[in-house]
Structure formats: C-alpha cells, structure tokens
Amino acid sequence: METQTDIMNKMQERLAQSSALLNVVYGGGIDNFDECSLTVKDNYLWACASLVDEALELSKEIKLAKD
C-alpha cells in the first residue's frame, strides 16, 4: 500500500514532467513544435494530458489532515 508521501511524490513527479514537456513548446518556441508531424504533435499533447490526468487522480488519493 502506498503511503501519503508516496502518492504526493508521484503527483509532484507527474506535474514536473508535464511542466517540462510544456516548457519545451511554450518556453522553447512554438515554431519547432509547429514543424513536427501531426502524429508527433498528437502524441506529444497526449503525453502531456496523460501526465496531468494522472496527477489529478493521484490528488484525489491524498488525505488532508483534519482541522
């Protein structure tokens, strides 16, 4: 069974990976991305969406301390 720390670590990893992928396009220049084939662009965006979706699912497993 995963601990809360394990879940949080996984969620942070997925968000960091998503951020890195998106920075290549946003921060690195959209021109290079535009030159990619439709298949590559589709797979790239699919990877980004999958990582964010997984982070969202992981966030649902985090139990917050009661006030």
N, C-alpha and C. Protein backbone atom coordinates (compact mmCIF):
# COMPACT_ATOMS: atom_id res chain seq x y z
N MET A 1 0.84 -1.18 0.00
CA MET A 1 0.00 0.00 0.00
C MET A 1 0.89 1.25 0.00
N GLU A 2 0.52 2.20 -0.82
CA GLU A 2 1.29 3.43 -0.91
C GLU A 2 0.97 4.37 0.24
N THR A 3 2.00 5.00 0.73
CA THR A 3 1.82 5.99 1.79
C THR A 3 1.40 7.32 1.15
N GLN A 4 0.95 8.23 1.98
CA GLN A 4 0.59 9.55 1.52
C GLN A 4 1.79 10.26 0.90
N THR A 5 2.96 10.02 1.47
CA THR A 5 4.19 10.61 0.93
C THR A 5 4.48 10.05 -0.46
N ASP A 6 4.29 8.74 -0.65
CA ASP A 6 4.49 8.13 -1.96
C ASP A 6 3.56 8.74 -3.00
N ILE A 7 2.31 8.91 -2.63
CA ILE A 7 1.32 9.48 -3.55
C ILE A 7 1.69 10.92 -3.89
N MET A 8 2.06 11.69 -2.89
CA MET A 8 2.43 13.08 -3.11
C MET A 8 3.67 13.17 -4.01
N ASN A 9 4.64 12.30 -3.77
CA ASN A 9 5.85 12.28 -4.59
C ASN A 9 5.52 11.96 -6.05
N LYS A 10 4.66 10.97 -6.27
CA LYS A 10 4.26 10.61 -7.63
C LYS A 10 3.54 11.77 -8.32
N MET A 11 2.65 12.41 -7.58
CA MET A 11 1.91 13.54 -8.13
C MET A 11 2.88 14.67 -8.51
N GLN A 12 3.83 14.96 -7.65
CA GLN A 12 4.80 16.01 -7.93
C GLN A 12 5.68 15.64 -9.13
N GLU A 13 6.02 14.37 -9.27
CA GLU A 13 6.80 13.92 -10.43
C GLU A 13 6.03 14.14 -11.73
N ARG A 14 4.75 13.75 -11.73
CA ARG A 14 3.94 13.90 -12.94
C ARG A 14 3.77 15.37 -13.31
N LEU A 15 3.58 16.23 -12.31
CA LEU A 15 3.45 17.66 -12.58
C LEU A 15 4.76 18.24 -13.09
N ALA A 16 5.88 17.80 -12.54
CA ALA A 16 7.18 18.28 -13.01
C ALA A 16 7.43 17.82 -14.45
N GLN A 17 7.06 16.58 -14.76
CA GLN A 17 7.21 16.08 -16.12
C GLN A 17 6.33 16.87 -17.09
N SER A 18 5.10 17.12 -16.69
CA SER A 18 4.18 17.90 -17.53
C SER A 18 4.72 19.30 -17.76
N SER A 19 5.23 19.92 -16.71
CA SER A 19 5.80 21.26 -16.82
C SER A 19 6.97 21.27 -17.80
N ALA A 20 7.85 20.28 -17.70
CA ALA A 20 9.00 20.21 -18.60
C ALA A 20 8.55 20.06 -20.05
N LEU A 21 7.59 19.18 -20.29
CA LEU A 21 7.10 19.00 -21.66
C LEU A 21 6.48 20.28 -22.20
N LEU A 22 5.68 20.93 -21.41
CA LEU A 22 5.01 22.14 -21.87
C LEU A 22 5.97 23.30 -22.04
N ASN A 23 7.03 23.36 -21.24
CA ASN A 23 8.03 24.41 -21.38
C ASN A 23 8.81 24.30 -22.68
N VAL A 24 8.95 23.09 -23.20
CA VAL A 24 9.62 22.90 -24.49
C VAL A 24 8.84 23.63 -25.58
N VAL A 25 7.53 23.55 -25.50
CA VAL A 25 6.68 24.18 -26.51
C VAL A 25 6.47 25.65 -26.20
N TYR A 26 6.11 25.94 -24.98
CA TYR A 26 5.78 27.32 -24.61
C TYR A 26 7.03 28.17 -24.45
N GLY A 27 7.97 27.67 -23.66
CA GLY A 27 9.17 28.43 -23.39
C GLY A 27 10.24 28.30 -24.46
N GLY A 28 10.27 27.14 -25.10
CA GLY A 28 11.31 26.88 -26.08
C GLY A 28 10.99 27.34 -27.48
N GLY A 29 9.78 27.65 -27.72
CA GLY A 29 9.39 28.14 -29.04
C GLY A 29 8.41 27.22 -29.74
N ILE A 30 7.31 27.78 -30.10
CA ILE A 30 6.25 27.02 -30.76
C ILE A 30 6.62 26.66 -32.19
N ASP A 31 7.57 27.39 -32.77
CA ASP A 31 7.94 27.16 -34.17
C ASP A 31 8.44 25.73 -34.40
N ASN A 32 9.29 25.24 -33.52
CA ASN A 32 9.78 23.87 -33.67
C ASN A 32 8.64 22.86 -33.56
N PHE A 33 7.73 23.11 -32.64
CA PHE A 33 6.58 22.22 -32.48
C PHE A 33 5.71 22.23 -33.73
N ASP A 34 5.50 23.40 -34.29
CA ASP A 34 4.68 23.53 -35.50
C ASP A 34 5.25 22.75 -36.68
N GLU A 35 6.57 22.57 -36.70
CA GLU A 35 7.21 21.85 -37.78
C GLU A 35 7.10 20.33 -37.65
N CYS A 36 6.66 19.85 -36.50
CA CYS A 36 6.51 18.41 -36.29
C CYS A 36 5.30 17.89 -37.05
N SER A 37 5.33 16.60 -37.31
CA SER A 37 4.20 15.98 -38.00
C SER A 37 2.97 16.00 -37.08
N LEU A 38 1.82 15.84 -37.67
CA LEU A 38 0.57 15.81 -36.90
C LEU A 38 0.60 14.66 -35.89
N THR A 39 1.16 13.53 -36.27
CA THR A 39 1.25 12.38 -35.36
C THR A 39 2.12 12.70 -34.15
N VAL A 40 3.26 13.31 -34.38
CA VAL A 40 4.16 13.67 -33.28
C VAL A 40 3.48 14.68 -32.36
N LYS A 41 2.85 15.70 -32.93
CA LYS A 41 2.16 16.71 -32.11
C LYS A 41 1.05 16.06 -31.30
N ASP A 42 0.28 15.18 -31.93
CA ASP A 42 -0.81 14.50 -31.24
C ASP A 42 -0.28 13.65 -30.09
N ASN A 43 0.78 12.89 -30.32
CA ASN A 43 1.36 12.06 -29.27
C ASN A 43 1.96 12.90 -28.15
N TYR A 44 2.57 14.00 -28.51
CA TYR A 44 3.17 14.90 -27.51
C TYR A 44 2.08 15.46 -26.59
N LEU A 45 1.02 15.97 -27.19
CA LEU A 45 -0.06 16.54 -26.39
C LEU A 45 -0.79 15.47 -25.59
N TRP A 46 -0.89 14.26 -26.15
CA TRP A 46 -1.48 13.14 -25.44
C TRP A 46 -0.65 12.82 -24.19
N ALA A 47 0.69 12.83 -24.33
CA ALA A 47 1.56 12.58 -23.19
C ALA A 47 1.35 13.64 -22.11
N CYS A 48 1.27 14.90 -22.52
CA CYS A 48 1.04 15.99 -21.56
C CYS A 48 -0.28 15.78 -20.83
N ALA A 49 -1.33 15.51 -21.58
CA ALA A 49 -2.65 15.33 -20.97
C ALA A 49 -2.67 14.11 -20.04
N SER A 50 -2.01 13.04 -20.44
CA SER A 50 -1.98 11.83 -19.61
C SER A 50 -1.29 12.08 -18.28
N LEU A 51 -0.19 12.82 -18.31
CA LEU A 51 0.53 13.13 -17.07
C LEU A 51 -0.32 13.99 -16.14
N VAL A 52 -1.00 14.98 -16.68
CA VAL A 52 -1.85 15.84 -15.86
C VAL A 52 -3.04 15.04 -15.32
N ASP A 53 -3.64 14.20 -16.16
CA ASP A 53 -4.75 13.36 -15.69
C ASP A 53 -4.32 12.45 -14.54
N GLU A 54 -3.12 11.87 -14.67
CA GLU A 54 -2.62 11.01 -13.60
C GLU A 54 -2.39 11.82 -12.32
N ALA A 55 -1.85 13.02 -12.45
CA ALA A 55 -1.64 13.87 -11.27
C ALA A 55 -2.98 14.20 -10.61
N LEU A 56 -4.00 14.46 -11.42
CA LEU A 56 -5.33 14.75 -10.86
C LEU A 56 -5.88 13.54 -10.11
N GLU A 57 -5.71 12.36 -10.67
CA GLU A 57 -6.17 11.14 -10.00
C GLU A 57 -5.41 10.92 -8.69
N LEU A 58 -4.10 11.14 -8.72
CA LEU A 58 -3.30 10.99 -7.50
C LEU A 58 -3.74 11.99 -6.44
N SER A 59 -4.09 13.19 -6.85
CA SER A 59 -4.50 14.21 -5.87
C SER A 59 -5.77 13.80 -5.13
N LYS A 60 -6.59 12.98 -5.76
CA LYS A 60 -7.82 12.50 -5.11
C LYS A 60 -7.51 11.51 -3.99
N GLU A 61 -6.33 10.90 -4.03
CA GLU A 61 -5.96 9.90 -3.03
C GLU A 61 -5.29 10.52 -1.81
N ILE A 62 -5.00 11.80 -1.87
CA ILE A 62 -4.33 12.45 -0.74
C ILE A 62 -5.36 12.77 0.35
N LYS A 63 -5.04 12.33 1.52
CA LYS A 63 -5.90 12.57 2.67
C LYS A 63 -5.36 13.77 3.42
N LEU A 64 -6.16 14.80 3.51
CA LEU A 64 -5.75 16.01 4.21
C LEU A 64 -5.99 15.85 5.70
N ALA A 65 -5.12 16.44 6.49
CA ALA A 65 -5.27 16.39 7.94
C ALA A 65 -6.53 17.14 8.34
N LYS A 66 -7.24 16.60 9.32
CA LYS A 66 -8.45 17.27 9.80
C LYS A 66 -8.05 18.45 10.68
N ASP A 67 -8.81 19.53 10.53
CA ASP A 67 -8.55 20.74 11.33
C ASP A 67 -8.86 20.52 12.78
